[in-house]
């Protein structure tokens, strides 16, 4: 009788332990699944910030966008032989008017549109300085279309703020906040000194 009772108690204890372990495993599996969902969701979220990117300037020097923290940026793909090339004048004027308030204009030469930027970095730099007195920062020539698209432009043209579409032509403009967030996108036809662009820039400078 005592042996039977002891065996019953032992079996009951084992059953309780098994039920407890199964409950714990179920909770762990649920937690793991929830964590995976969170990570997957985060992984699929598009990047709207460029502060971690690095690019090369016209002299081959690496420039980190983190160095522009606290500054408002206007990123423009430029070309020397385009109908929009005179916008260099407006970009320079814009830079001179707002640079003391924290605006930086960043020019990225590109030959993807009609082959209208065929020159070397030195030729581009000389042209911009002699023709338009450009003193804002110019960078290494980039590809912004196709499989060799520059990583910076991959984000500028595919994000949750300005949408997912390629740059259409030279002198398209992207406005970046003081924290490196993509704020707005302006087509080539929007002139540098237009009320639309100036209003957006002034709003960011005040933030």
N, C-alpha and C. Protein backbone atom coordinates (compact mmCIF):
# COMPACT_ATOMS: atom_id res chain seq x y z
N UNK A 1 0.82 -1.21 0.00
CA UNK A 1 0.00 0.00 0.00
C UNK A 1 0.86 1.25 0.00
N UNK A 2 1.88 1.25 0.88
CA UNK A 2 2.78 2.40 0.96
C UNK A 2 3.55 2.57 -0.34
N UNK A 3 3.96 1.42 -0.95
CA UNK A 3 4.73 1.47 -2.20
C UNK A 3 3.85 2.04 -3.32
N UNK A 4 2.56 1.61 -3.35
CA UNK A 4 1.63 2.08 -4.37
C UNK A 4 1.39 3.58 -4.22
N UNK A 5 1.24 4.04 -3.00
CA UNK A 5 1.02 5.46 -2.74
C UNK A 5 2.23 6.28 -3.15
N UNK A 6 3.43 5.79 -2.83
CA UNK A 6 4.67 6.48 -3.20
C UNK A 6 4.80 6.58 -4.71
N UNK A 7 4.46 5.48 -5.41
CA UNK A 7 4.55 5.47 -6.87
C UNK A 7 3.58 6.48 -7.46
N UNK A 8 2.35 6.57 -6.87
CA UNK A 8 1.35 7.52 -7.35
C UNK A 8 1.82 8.96 -7.19
N UNK A 9 2.39 9.23 -6.03
CA UNK A 9 2.90 10.58 -5.77
C UNK A 9 4.02 10.94 -6.73
N UNK A 10 4.91 9.96 -7.01
CA UNK A 10 6.03 10.18 -7.92
C UNK A 10 5.51 10.48 -9.32
N UNK A 11 4.52 9.69 -9.79
CA UNK A 11 3.94 9.90 -11.12
C UNK A 11 3.25 11.26 -11.21
N UNK A 12 2.57 11.63 -10.11
CA UNK A 12 1.90 12.93 -10.08
C UNK A 12 2.90 14.07 -10.16
N UNK A 13 4.03 13.91 -9.45
CA UNK A 13 5.07 14.95 -9.47
C UNK A 13 5.68 15.07 -10.86
N UNK A 14 5.91 13.96 -11.49
CA UNK A 14 6.48 13.96 -12.85
C UNK A 14 5.53 14.65 -13.82
N UNK A 15 4.24 14.36 -13.67
CA UNK A 15 3.23 14.98 -14.54
C UNK A 15 3.20 16.49 -14.39
N UNK A 16 3.28 16.94 -13.13
CA UNK A 16 3.29 18.38 -12.87
C UNK A 16 4.50 19.04 -13.51
N UNK A 17 5.66 18.39 -13.38
CA UNK A 17 6.89 18.93 -13.96
C UNK A 17 6.79 19.01 -15.48
N UNK A 18 6.23 17.96 -16.11
CA UNK A 18 6.09 17.95 -17.57
C UNK A 18 5.14 19.04 -18.05
N UNK A 19 4.04 19.21 -17.34
CA UNK A 19 3.09 20.26 -17.71
C UNK A 19 3.72 21.64 -17.58
N UNK A 20 4.49 21.85 -16.50
CA UNK A 20 5.19 23.12 -16.26
C UNK A 20 6.19 23.41 -17.37
N UNK A 21 6.98 22.37 -17.73
CA UNK A 21 7.99 22.54 -18.78
C UNK A 21 7.35 22.87 -20.12
N UNK A 22 6.24 22.18 -20.44
CA UNK A 22 5.55 22.44 -21.70
C UNK A 22 5.03 23.87 -21.75
N UNK A 23 4.53 24.35 -20.60
CA UNK A 23 4.02 25.72 -20.52
C UNK A 23 5.13 26.73 -20.74
N UNK A 24 6.29 26.47 -20.10
CA UNK A 24 7.45 27.36 -20.26
C UNK A 24 7.92 27.37 -21.71
N UNK A 25 7.99 26.19 -22.34
CA UNK A 25 8.45 26.10 -23.73
C UNK A 25 7.51 26.84 -24.67
N UNK A 26 6.19 26.71 -24.38
CA UNK A 26 5.21 27.40 -25.21
C UNK A 26 5.40 28.91 -25.13
N UNK A 27 5.63 29.41 -23.90
CA UNK A 27 5.85 30.85 -23.71
C UNK A 27 7.13 31.30 -24.40
N UNK A 28 8.19 30.46 -24.29
CA UNK A 28 9.46 30.80 -24.92
C UNK A 28 9.32 30.85 -26.43
N UNK A 29 8.57 29.88 -26.99
CA UNK A 29 8.37 29.84 -28.43
C UNK A 29 7.60 31.07 -28.90
N UNK A 30 6.59 31.47 -28.09
CA UNK A 30 5.82 32.66 -28.42
C UNK A 30 6.68 33.90 -28.36
N UNK A 31 7.51 34.00 -27.32
CA UNK A 31 8.40 35.15 -27.18
C UNK A 31 9.39 35.21 -28.33
N UNK A 32 9.92 34.04 -28.72
CA UNK A 32 10.88 33.98 -29.83
C UNK A 32 10.22 34.43 -31.12
N UNK A 33 8.98 33.96 -31.33
CA UNK A 33 8.25 34.34 -32.54
C UNK A 33 7.97 35.84 -32.57
N UNK A 34 7.58 36.38 -31.40
CA UNK A 34 7.31 37.82 -31.33
C UNK A 34 8.57 38.63 -31.60
N UNK A 35 9.69 38.17 -31.04
CA UNK A 35 10.96 38.86 -31.25
C UNK A 35 11.36 38.82 -32.71
N UNK A 36 11.16 37.67 -33.36
CA UNK A 36 11.50 37.53 -34.77
C UNK A 36 10.66 38.46 -35.61
N UNK A 37 9.35 38.58 -35.25
CA UNK A 37 8.47 39.47 -35.99
C UNK A 37 8.94 40.92 -35.88
N UNK A 38 9.32 41.29 -34.65
CA UNK A 38 9.81 42.65 -34.43
C UNK A 38 11.07 42.93 -35.25
N UNK A 39 12.00 41.95 -35.24
CA UNK A 39 13.25 42.11 -35.97
C UNK A 39 13.00 42.15 -37.47
N UNK A 40 12.08 41.28 -37.95
CA UNK A 40 11.76 41.26 -39.38
C UNK A 40 11.15 42.57 -39.81
N UNK A 41 10.25 43.10 -38.98
CA UNK A 41 9.60 44.37 -39.29
C UNK A 41 10.63 45.50 -39.35
N UNK A 42 11.53 45.49 -38.37
CA UNK A 42 12.58 46.52 -38.34
C UNK A 42 13.49 46.38 -39.54
N UNK A 43 13.79 45.14 -39.91
CA UNK A 43 14.68 44.90 -41.03
C UNK A 43 14.09 45.35 -42.35
N UNK A 44 12.75 45.31 -42.47
CA UNK A 44 12.10 45.67 -43.71
C UNK A 44 11.79 47.17 -43.80
N UNK A 45 11.97 47.87 -42.72
CA UNK A 45 11.69 49.31 -42.71
C UNK A 45 12.74 50.05 -43.52
N UNK A 46 12.30 50.94 -44.38
CA UNK A 46 13.22 51.69 -45.22
C UNK A 46 13.95 52.74 -44.41
N UNK A 47 15.17 53.04 -44.83
CA UNK A 47 15.98 54.04 -44.15
C UNK A 47 15.62 55.43 -44.67
N UNK A 48 15.34 56.34 -43.75
CA UNK A 48 15.02 57.72 -44.12
C UNK A 48 16.10 58.70 -43.65
N UNK A 49 17.23 58.17 -43.22
CA UNK A 49 18.30 58.99 -42.66
C UNK A 49 19.63 58.66 -43.35
N UNK A 50 20.42 59.69 -43.64
CA UNK A 50 21.68 59.48 -44.38
C UNK A 50 22.91 59.77 -43.53
N UNK A 51 22.73 59.99 -42.24
CA UNK A 51 23.84 60.43 -41.39
C UNK A 51 24.97 59.41 -41.25
N UNK A 52 24.71 58.13 -41.56
CA UNK A 52 25.76 57.11 -41.43
C UNK A 52 26.55 56.92 -42.72
N UNK A 53 26.16 57.61 -43.78
CA UNK A 53 26.82 57.43 -45.07
C UNK A 53 28.13 58.22 -45.17
N UNK A 54 29.00 57.71 -46.03
CA UNK A 54 30.26 58.39 -46.34
C UNK A 54 30.41 58.46 -47.85
N UNK A 55 30.91 59.58 -48.33
CA UNK A 55 31.11 59.78 -49.77
C UNK A 55 32.49 60.40 -49.99
N UNK A 56 32.93 60.40 -51.24
CA UNK A 56 34.22 61.01 -51.58
C UNK A 56 34.00 62.35 -52.28
N UNK A 57 34.83 63.32 -51.88
CA UNK A 57 34.73 64.61 -52.55
C UNK A 57 35.57 64.58 -53.82
N UNK A 58 35.68 65.69 -54.50
CA UNK A 58 36.37 65.74 -55.79
C UNK A 58 37.87 65.47 -55.69
N UNK A 59 38.41 65.61 -54.50
CA UNK A 59 39.84 65.35 -54.30
C UNK A 59 40.10 63.93 -53.78
N UNK A 60 39.05 63.13 -53.73
CA UNK A 60 39.20 61.76 -53.28
C UNK A 60 39.17 61.59 -51.77
N UNK A 61 38.88 62.67 -51.05
CA UNK A 61 38.83 62.62 -49.59
C UNK A 61 37.46 62.13 -49.13
N UNK A 62 37.46 61.20 -48.17
CA UNK A 62 36.21 60.66 -47.65
C UNK A 62 35.53 61.68 -46.73
N UNK A 63 34.26 61.87 -46.94
CA UNK A 63 33.48 62.82 -46.14
C UNK A 63 32.31 62.07 -45.50
N UNK A 64 32.21 62.13 -44.19
CA UNK A 64 31.11 61.48 -43.47
C UNK A 64 29.96 62.45 -43.30
N UNK A 65 28.76 62.02 -43.58
CA UNK A 65 27.60 62.90 -43.41
C UNK A 65 27.36 63.23 -41.94
N UNK A 66 27.90 62.41 -41.06
CA UNK A 66 27.78 62.71 -39.63
C UNK A 66 28.47 64.02 -39.28
N UNK A 67 29.43 64.44 -40.11
CA UNK A 67 30.14 65.70 -39.87
C UNK A 67 29.24 66.92 -40.13
N UNK A 68 28.09 66.68 -40.77
CA UNK A 68 27.16 67.77 -41.06
C UNK A 68 26.02 67.83 -40.04
N UNK A 69 26.16 67.11 -38.95
CA UNK A 69 25.12 67.12 -37.92
C UNK A 69 24.87 68.55 -37.45
N UNK A 70 23.62 68.94 -37.37
CA UNK A 70 23.28 70.30 -36.96
C UNK A 70 23.18 71.27 -38.13
N UNK A 71 23.44 70.76 -39.36
CA UNK A 71 23.37 71.59 -40.56
C UNK A 71 22.25 71.08 -41.47
N UNK A 72 21.66 71.99 -42.21
CA UNK A 72 20.65 71.63 -43.21
C UNK A 72 21.37 71.44 -44.54
N UNK A 73 21.04 70.37 -45.26
CA UNK A 73 21.72 70.06 -46.51
C UNK A 73 20.77 70.11 -47.70
N UNK A 74 21.30 70.57 -48.82
CA UNK A 74 20.58 70.49 -50.09
C UNK A 74 21.48 69.70 -51.04
N UNK A 75 21.06 68.48 -51.36
CA UNK A 75 21.85 67.60 -52.23
C UNK A 75 21.31 67.70 -53.65
N UNK A 76 22.22 67.96 -54.61
CA UNK A 76 21.81 68.18 -55.99
C UNK A 76 22.72 67.41 -56.95
N UNK A 77 22.13 66.69 -57.90
CA UNK A 77 22.93 66.06 -58.96
C UNK A 77 23.11 67.08 -60.08
N UNK A 78 24.36 67.40 -60.35
CA UNK A 78 24.67 68.51 -61.26
C UNK A 78 25.31 68.03 -62.56
N UNK A 79 25.30 68.91 -63.56
CA UNK A 79 25.91 68.61 -64.86
C UNK A 79 26.32 69.91 -65.54
N UNK A 80 27.38 69.85 -66.33
CA UNK A 80 27.96 71.06 -66.93
C UNK A 80 27.42 71.40 -68.31
N UNK A 81 26.74 70.45 -68.97
CA UNK A 81 26.30 70.69 -70.34
C UNK A 81 24.79 70.48 -70.49
N UNK A 82 24.06 70.91 -69.50
CA UNK A 82 22.61 70.71 -69.45
C UNK A 82 21.88 72.04 -69.58
N UNK A 83 20.64 71.98 -70.01
CA UNK A 83 19.84 73.20 -70.07
C UNK A 83 19.61 73.80 -68.70
N UNK A 84 19.75 72.96 -67.66
CA UNK A 84 19.59 73.43 -66.29
C UNK A 84 20.90 73.89 -65.64
N UNK A 85 22.00 73.80 -66.37
CA UNK A 85 23.31 74.16 -65.80
C UNK A 85 23.34 75.56 -65.19
N UNK A 86 22.62 76.55 -65.77
CA UNK A 86 22.61 77.89 -65.15
C UNK A 86 22.08 77.89 -63.71
N UNK A 87 21.47 76.79 -63.28
CA UNK A 87 21.02 76.71 -61.89
C UNK A 87 22.21 76.74 -60.91
N UNK A 88 23.40 76.49 -61.41
CA UNK A 88 24.60 76.64 -60.57
C UNK A 88 24.62 78.04 -59.94
N UNK A 89 24.24 79.04 -60.73
CA UNK A 89 24.25 80.42 -60.23
C UNK A 89 23.30 80.55 -59.04
N UNK A 90 22.10 80.01 -59.19
CA UNK A 90 21.12 80.08 -58.12
C UNK A 90 21.54 79.29 -56.89
N UNK A 91 22.16 78.14 -57.11
CA UNK A 91 22.63 77.32 -55.99
C UNK A 91 23.71 78.05 -55.20
N UNK A 92 24.61 78.73 -55.93
CA UNK A 92 25.66 79.49 -55.26
C UNK A 92 25.07 80.66 -54.48
N UNK A 93 24.08 81.33 -55.06
CA UNK A 93 23.41 82.44 -54.39
C UNK A 93 22.70 81.96 -53.13
N UNK A 94 22.06 80.81 -53.25
CA UNK A 94 21.35 80.21 -52.12
C UNK A 94 22.33 79.88 -50.99
N UNK A 95 23.45 79.31 -51.36
CA UNK A 95 24.49 78.96 -50.39
C UNK A 95 25.03 80.19 -49.67
N UNK A 96 25.32 81.23 -50.42
CA UNK A 96 25.86 82.45 -49.84
C UNK A 96 24.85 83.13 -48.91
N UNK A 97 23.59 83.07 -49.26
CA UNK A 97 22.56 83.72 -48.44
C UNK A 97 22.35 83.01 -47.10
N UNK A 98 22.44 81.67 -47.11
CA UNK A 98 22.07 80.92 -45.91
C UNK A 98 23.19 80.13 -45.23
N UNK A 99 24.40 80.23 -45.74
CA UNK A 99 25.47 79.42 -45.15
C UNK A 99 25.76 79.77 -43.69
N UNK A 100 25.65 81.06 -43.34
CA UNK A 100 25.89 81.46 -41.96
C UNK A 100 24.79 80.98 -41.01
N UNK A 101 23.64 80.65 -41.60
CA UNK A 101 22.53 80.13 -40.80
C UNK A 101 22.55 78.60 -40.72
N UNK A 102 23.49 77.99 -41.48
CA UNK A 102 23.64 76.54 -41.37
C UNK A 102 23.26 75.72 -42.57
N UNK A 103 23.14 76.34 -43.76
CA UNK A 103 22.82 75.59 -44.98
C UNK A 103 24.09 75.21 -45.73
N UNK A 104 24.16 73.94 -46.13
CA UNK A 104 25.24 73.47 -46.98
C UNK A 104 24.64 72.91 -48.27
N UNK A 105 25.12 73.40 -49.41
CA UNK A 105 24.72 72.87 -50.71
C UNK A 105 25.79 71.87 -51.13
N UNK A 106 25.38 70.66 -51.50
CA UNK A 106 26.31 69.60 -51.88
C UNK A 106 26.00 69.16 -53.31
N UNK A 107 26.98 69.35 -54.20
CA UNK A 107 26.79 69.01 -55.61
C UNK A 107 27.42 67.67 -55.97
N UNK A 108 26.64 66.82 -56.63
CA UNK A 108 27.13 65.51 -57.06
C UNK A 108 27.05 65.41 -58.59
N UNK A 109 28.18 65.63 -59.28
CA UNK A 109 28.19 65.51 -60.74
C UNK A 109 27.76 64.11 -61.18
N UNK A 110 26.99 64.07 -62.27
CA UNK A 110 26.49 62.79 -62.76
C UNK A 110 26.36 62.85 -64.28
N UNK A 111 26.77 61.79 -64.94
CA UNK A 111 26.74 61.74 -66.40
C UNK A 111 25.63 60.81 -66.91
N UNK A 112 24.70 60.47 -66.05
CA UNK A 112 23.66 59.49 -66.40
C UNK A 112 22.58 60.04 -67.33
N UNK A 113 22.45 61.35 -67.40
CA UNK A 113 21.35 61.94 -68.15
C UNK A 113 21.85 62.65 -69.40
N UNK A 114 21.74 61.99 -70.51
CA UNK A 114 22.15 62.57 -71.78
C UNK A 114 23.65 62.76 -71.92
N UNK A 115 24.44 62.13 -71.05
CA UNK A 115 25.89 62.28 -71.12
C UNK A 115 26.32 63.73 -70.98
N UNK A 116 25.62 64.47 -70.13
CA UNK A 116 25.85 65.91 -70.03
C UNK A 116 26.86 66.33 -68.96
N UNK A 117 27.55 65.34 -68.39
CA UNK A 117 28.65 65.64 -67.47
C UNK A 117 29.82 64.70 -67.79
N UNK A 118 30.46 64.91 -68.96
CA UNK A 118 31.52 64.00 -69.41
C UNK A 118 32.90 64.29 -68.82
N UNK A 119 33.07 65.45 -68.23
CA UNK A 119 34.39 65.88 -67.78
C UNK A 119 34.94 65.13 -66.58
N UNK A 120 36.24 65.33 -66.34
CA UNK A 120 36.89 64.79 -65.15
C UNK A 120 36.52 65.67 -63.95
N UNK A 121 36.85 65.21 -62.77
CA UNK A 121 36.57 66.01 -61.58
C UNK A 121 37.24 67.38 -61.66
N UNK A 122 38.48 67.40 -62.12
CA UNK A 122 39.21 68.66 -62.20
C UNK A 122 38.57 69.59 -63.22
N UNK A 123 38.15 69.04 -64.34
CA UNK A 123 37.51 69.85 -65.37
C UNK A 123 36.18 70.42 -64.86
N UNK A 124 35.44 69.61 -64.14
CA UNK A 124 34.16 70.05 -63.58
C UNK A 124 34.39 71.16 -62.55
N UNK A 125 35.37 70.96 -61.69
CA UNK A 125 35.68 71.94 -60.65
C UNK A 125 36.08 73.28 -61.28
N UNK A 126 36.93 73.23 -62.30
CA UNK A 126 37.40 74.44 -62.97
C UNK A 126 36.23 75.16 -63.65
N UNK A 127 35.38 74.40 -64.32
CA UNK A 127 34.21 74.97 -65.00
C UNK A 127 33.29 75.69 -64.01
N UNK A 128 32.99 75.01 -62.91
CA UNK A 128 32.07 75.57 -61.91
C UNK A 128 32.62 76.85 -61.28
N UNK A 129 33.91 76.86 -61.02
CA UNK A 129 34.53 78.01 -60.38
C UNK A 129 34.63 79.20 -61.33
N UNK A 130 35.08 78.95 -62.57
CA UNK A 130 35.29 80.05 -63.51
C UNK A 130 33.99 80.57 -64.12
N UNK A 131 33.04 79.69 -64.33
CA UNK A 131 31.79 80.08 -64.98
C UNK A 131 30.77 80.64 -64.00
N UNK A 132 30.69 80.03 -62.79
CA UNK A 132 29.64 80.42 -61.85
C UNK A 132 30.15 80.79 -60.46
N UNK A 133 31.45 80.79 -60.28
CA UNK A 133 32.01 81.16 -58.98
C UNK A 133 31.58 80.24 -57.85
N UNK A 134 31.41 78.96 -58.17
CA UNK A 134 30.92 77.99 -57.18
C UNK A 134 31.93 77.78 -56.05
N UNK A 135 31.47 77.93 -54.83
CA UNK A 135 32.31 77.66 -53.66
C UNK A 135 31.70 76.60 -52.75
N UNK A 136 30.47 76.17 -53.07
CA UNK A 136 29.88 75.11 -52.26
C UNK A 136 30.55 73.77 -52.61
N UNK A 137 30.38 72.79 -51.75
CA UNK A 137 31.09 71.52 -51.85
C UNK A 137 30.65 70.70 -53.06
N UNK A 138 31.64 70.23 -53.82
CA UNK A 138 31.40 69.34 -54.95
C UNK A 138 32.02 67.98 -54.65
N UNK A 139 31.36 66.92 -55.09
CA UNK A 139 31.80 65.57 -54.78
C UNK A 139 32.19 64.79 -56.03
N UNK A 140 32.76 63.63 -55.80
CA UNK A 140 33.16 62.73 -56.87
C UNK A 140 31.95 62.39 -57.74
N UNK A 141 32.18 62.26 -59.04
CA UNK A 141 31.09 61.94 -59.96
C UNK A 141 30.45 60.61 -59.56
N UNK A 142 29.12 60.56 -59.61
CA UNK A 142 28.40 59.37 -59.14
C UNK A 142 27.47 58.82 -60.22
N UNK A 143 27.13 57.54 -60.04
CA UNK A 143 26.08 56.89 -60.83
C UNK A 143 24.83 56.90 -59.97
N UNK A 144 23.72 57.37 -60.52
CA UNK A 144 22.50 57.38 -59.73
C UNK A 144 21.35 56.63 -60.42
N UNK A 145 21.69 55.95 -61.51
CA UNK A 145 20.73 55.09 -62.19
C UNK A 145 21.33 53.70 -62.37
N UNK A 146 20.48 52.70 -62.48
CA UNK A 146 20.95 51.35 -62.80
C UNK A 146 21.55 50.58 -61.64
N UNK A 147 22.16 49.46 -61.98
CA UNK A 147 22.68 48.54 -60.96
C UNK A 147 23.87 49.10 -60.18
N UNK A 148 24.56 50.09 -60.76
CA UNK A 148 25.71 50.68 -60.07
C UNK A 148 25.35 51.96 -59.32
N UNK A 149 24.07 52.12 -59.02
CA UNK A 149 23.60 53.33 -58.33
C UNK A 149 24.36 53.54 -57.01
N UNK A 150 24.80 54.76 -56.81
CA UNK A 150 25.48 55.14 -55.57
C UNK A 150 24.57 54.85 -54.37
N UNK A 151 25.16 54.34 -53.27
CA UNK A 151 24.38 53.95 -52.09
C UNK A 151 23.58 55.11 -51.50
N UNK A 152 24.18 56.29 -51.54
CA UNK A 152 23.47 57.47 -51.04
C UNK A 152 22.20 57.69 -51.84
N UNK A 153 22.33 57.65 -53.16
CA UNK A 153 21.17 57.88 -54.00
C UNK A 153 20.17 56.72 -53.97
N UNK A 154 20.65 55.54 -53.61
CA UNK A 154 19.73 54.41 -53.44
C UNK A 154 18.73 54.70 -52.33
N UNK A 155 19.19 55.38 -51.29
CA UNK A 155 18.32 55.75 -50.17
C UNK A 155 17.50 57.00 -50.50
N UNK A 156 18.12 57.98 -51.12
CA UNK A 156 17.41 59.21 -51.47
C UNK A 156 16.22 58.93 -52.39
N UNK A 157 16.35 57.90 -53.24
CA UNK A 157 15.29 57.61 -54.20
C UNK A 157 14.40 56.45 -53.80
N UNK A 158 14.57 55.96 -52.57
CA UNK A 158 13.72 54.86 -52.09
C UNK A 158 13.59 54.94 -50.57
N UNK A 159 12.65 55.71 -50.10
CA UNK A 159 12.45 55.90 -48.67
C UNK A 159 10.98 56.19 -48.38
N UNK A 160 10.64 56.23 -47.10
CA UNK A 160 9.24 56.41 -46.70
C UNK A 160 8.78 57.86 -46.74
N UNK A 161 9.70 58.78 -47.00
CA UNK A 161 9.35 60.21 -46.97
C UNK A 161 9.07 60.76 -48.37
N UNK A 162 10.02 60.55 -49.28
CA UNK A 162 9.87 61.12 -50.63
C UNK A 162 9.51 60.08 -51.68
N UNK A 163 9.29 58.84 -51.25
CA UNK A 163 8.84 57.82 -52.18
C UNK A 163 9.93 57.01 -52.84
N UNK A 164 9.50 56.18 -53.79
CA UNK A 164 10.42 55.26 -54.48
C UNK A 164 10.37 55.49 -55.99
N UNK A 165 11.22 56.36 -56.46
CA UNK A 165 11.33 56.60 -57.90
C UNK A 165 12.69 57.20 -58.20
N UNK A 166 13.22 56.84 -59.36
CA UNK A 166 14.54 57.32 -59.76
C UNK A 166 14.53 58.82 -60.04
N UNK A 167 15.72 59.40 -59.95
CA UNK A 167 15.90 60.79 -60.37
C UNK A 167 15.60 60.86 -61.87
N UNK A 168 14.88 61.88 -62.29
CA UNK A 168 14.48 61.98 -63.69
C UNK A 168 15.48 62.74 -64.56
N UNK A 169 16.17 63.73 -63.96
CA UNK A 169 17.07 64.56 -64.78
C UNK A 169 18.06 65.29 -63.88
N UNK A 170 18.96 66.02 -64.51
CA UNK A 170 19.97 66.79 -63.77
C UNK A 170 19.32 67.88 -62.92
N UNK A 171 19.94 68.19 -61.80
CA UNK A 171 19.55 69.25 -60.87
C UNK A 171 18.26 68.96 -60.11
N UNK A 172 18.03 67.68 -59.81
CA UNK A 172 16.97 67.34 -58.86
C UNK A 172 17.53 67.57 -57.46
N UNK A 173 16.67 67.96 -56.55
CA UNK A 173 17.15 68.42 -55.24
C UNK A 173 16.51 67.65 -54.08
N UNK A 174 17.34 67.32 -53.08
CA UNK A 174 16.87 66.64 -51.88
C UNK A 174 17.24 67.48 -50.66
N UNK A 175 16.26 67.77 -49.83
CA UNK A 175 16.48 68.57 -48.63
C UNK A 175 16.63 67.64 -47.43
N UNK A 176 17.69 67.85 -46.66
CA UNK A 176 18.02 66.99 -45.52
C UNK A 176 18.02 67.82 -44.23
N UNK A 177 17.41 67.27 -43.17
CA UNK A 177 17.31 67.99 -41.90
C UNK A 177 18.63 68.02 -41.15
N UNK A 178 18.65 68.73 -40.04
CA UNK A 178 19.85 68.85 -39.21
C UNK A 178 20.27 67.51 -38.59
N UNK A 179 19.33 66.58 -38.52
CA UNK A 179 19.63 65.25 -37.97
C UNK A 179 19.92 64.21 -39.03
N UNK A 180 19.96 64.66 -40.29
CA UNK A 180 20.26 63.73 -41.38
C UNK A 180 19.05 63.06 -41.99
N UNK A 181 17.84 63.50 -41.59
CA UNK A 181 16.62 62.90 -42.13
C UNK A 181 16.27 63.51 -43.49
N UNK A 182 15.77 62.66 -44.39
CA UNK A 182 15.29 63.14 -45.68
C UNK A 182 13.97 63.86 -45.44
N UNK A 183 13.89 65.10 -45.89
CA UNK A 183 12.72 65.94 -45.61
C UNK A 183 11.84 66.14 -46.83
N UNK A 184 12.46 66.46 -47.97
CA UNK A 184 11.68 66.79 -49.16
C UNK A 184 12.51 66.58 -50.42
N UNK A 185 11.79 66.51 -51.52
CA UNK A 185 12.41 66.28 -52.83
C UNK A 185 11.81 67.26 -53.83
N UNK A 186 12.67 67.88 -54.64
CA UNK A 186 12.21 68.88 -55.59
C UNK A 186 12.71 68.53 -57.00
N UNK A 187 11.83 68.52 -57.99
CA UNK A 187 12.25 68.19 -59.36
C UNK A 187 13.15 69.26 -59.95
N UNK A 188 13.76 68.91 -61.05
CA UNK A 188 14.73 69.81 -61.70
C UNK A 188 14.16 71.18 -62.01
N UNK A 189 12.88 71.24 -62.35
CA UNK A 189 12.27 72.51 -62.75
C UNK A 189 12.16 73.52 -61.61
N UNK A 190 12.28 73.06 -60.37
CA UNK A 190 12.22 73.98 -59.23
C UNK A 190 13.56 74.70 -59.11
N UNK A 191 13.54 75.99 -59.36
CA UNK A 191 14.76 76.80 -59.34
C UNK A 191 15.29 76.96 -57.91
N UNK A 192 16.61 77.06 -57.76
CA UNK A 192 17.20 77.21 -56.42
C UNK A 192 16.65 78.38 -55.62
N UNK A 193 16.34 79.49 -56.28
CA UNK A 193 15.86 80.68 -55.56
C UNK A 193 14.34 80.80 -55.59
N UNK A 194 13.66 79.71 -55.89
CA UNK A 194 12.20 79.74 -55.93
C UNK A 194 11.64 79.86 -54.52
N UNK A 195 10.44 80.42 -54.40
CA UNK A 195 9.79 80.58 -53.10
C UNK A 195 9.54 79.21 -52.46
N UNK A 196 9.20 78.24 -53.27
CA UNK A 196 8.91 76.89 -52.78
C UNK A 196 10.11 76.28 -52.06
N UNK A 197 11.27 76.36 -52.68
CA UNK A 197 12.47 75.77 -52.10
C UNK A 197 12.97 76.59 -50.91
N UNK A 198 12.99 77.90 -51.06
CA UNK A 198 13.46 78.77 -49.98
C UNK A 198 12.60 78.60 -48.73
N UNK A 199 11.29 78.49 -48.91
CA UNK A 199 10.39 78.30 -47.78
C UNK A 199 10.71 77.02 -47.02
N UNK A 200 10.95 75.95 -47.76
CA UNK A 200 11.27 74.66 -47.14
C UNK A 200 12.60 74.73 -46.40
N UNK A 201 13.59 75.38 -47.00
CA UNK A 201 14.90 75.52 -46.37
C UNK A 201 14.81 76.33 -45.09
N UNK A 202 14.11 77.46 -45.14
CA UNK A 202 13.98 78.32 -43.97
C UNK A 202 13.26 77.60 -42.82
N UNK A 203 12.30 76.79 -43.18
CA UNK A 203 11.58 76.01 -42.15
C UNK A 203 12.54 75.06 -41.43
N UNK A 204 13.40 74.40 -42.17
CA UNK A 204 14.35 73.47 -41.57
C UNK A 204 15.42 74.20 -40.76
N UNK A 205 15.84 75.34 -41.23
CA UNK A 205 16.87 76.10 -40.52
C UNK A 205 16.36 76.58 -39.16
N UNK A 206 15.05 76.79 -39.06
CA UNK A 206 14.46 77.27 -37.80
C UNK A 206 14.23 76.16 -36.79
N UNK A 207 14.29 74.92 -37.23
CA UNK A 207 13.99 73.79 -36.32
C UNK A 207 15.11 73.59 -35.32
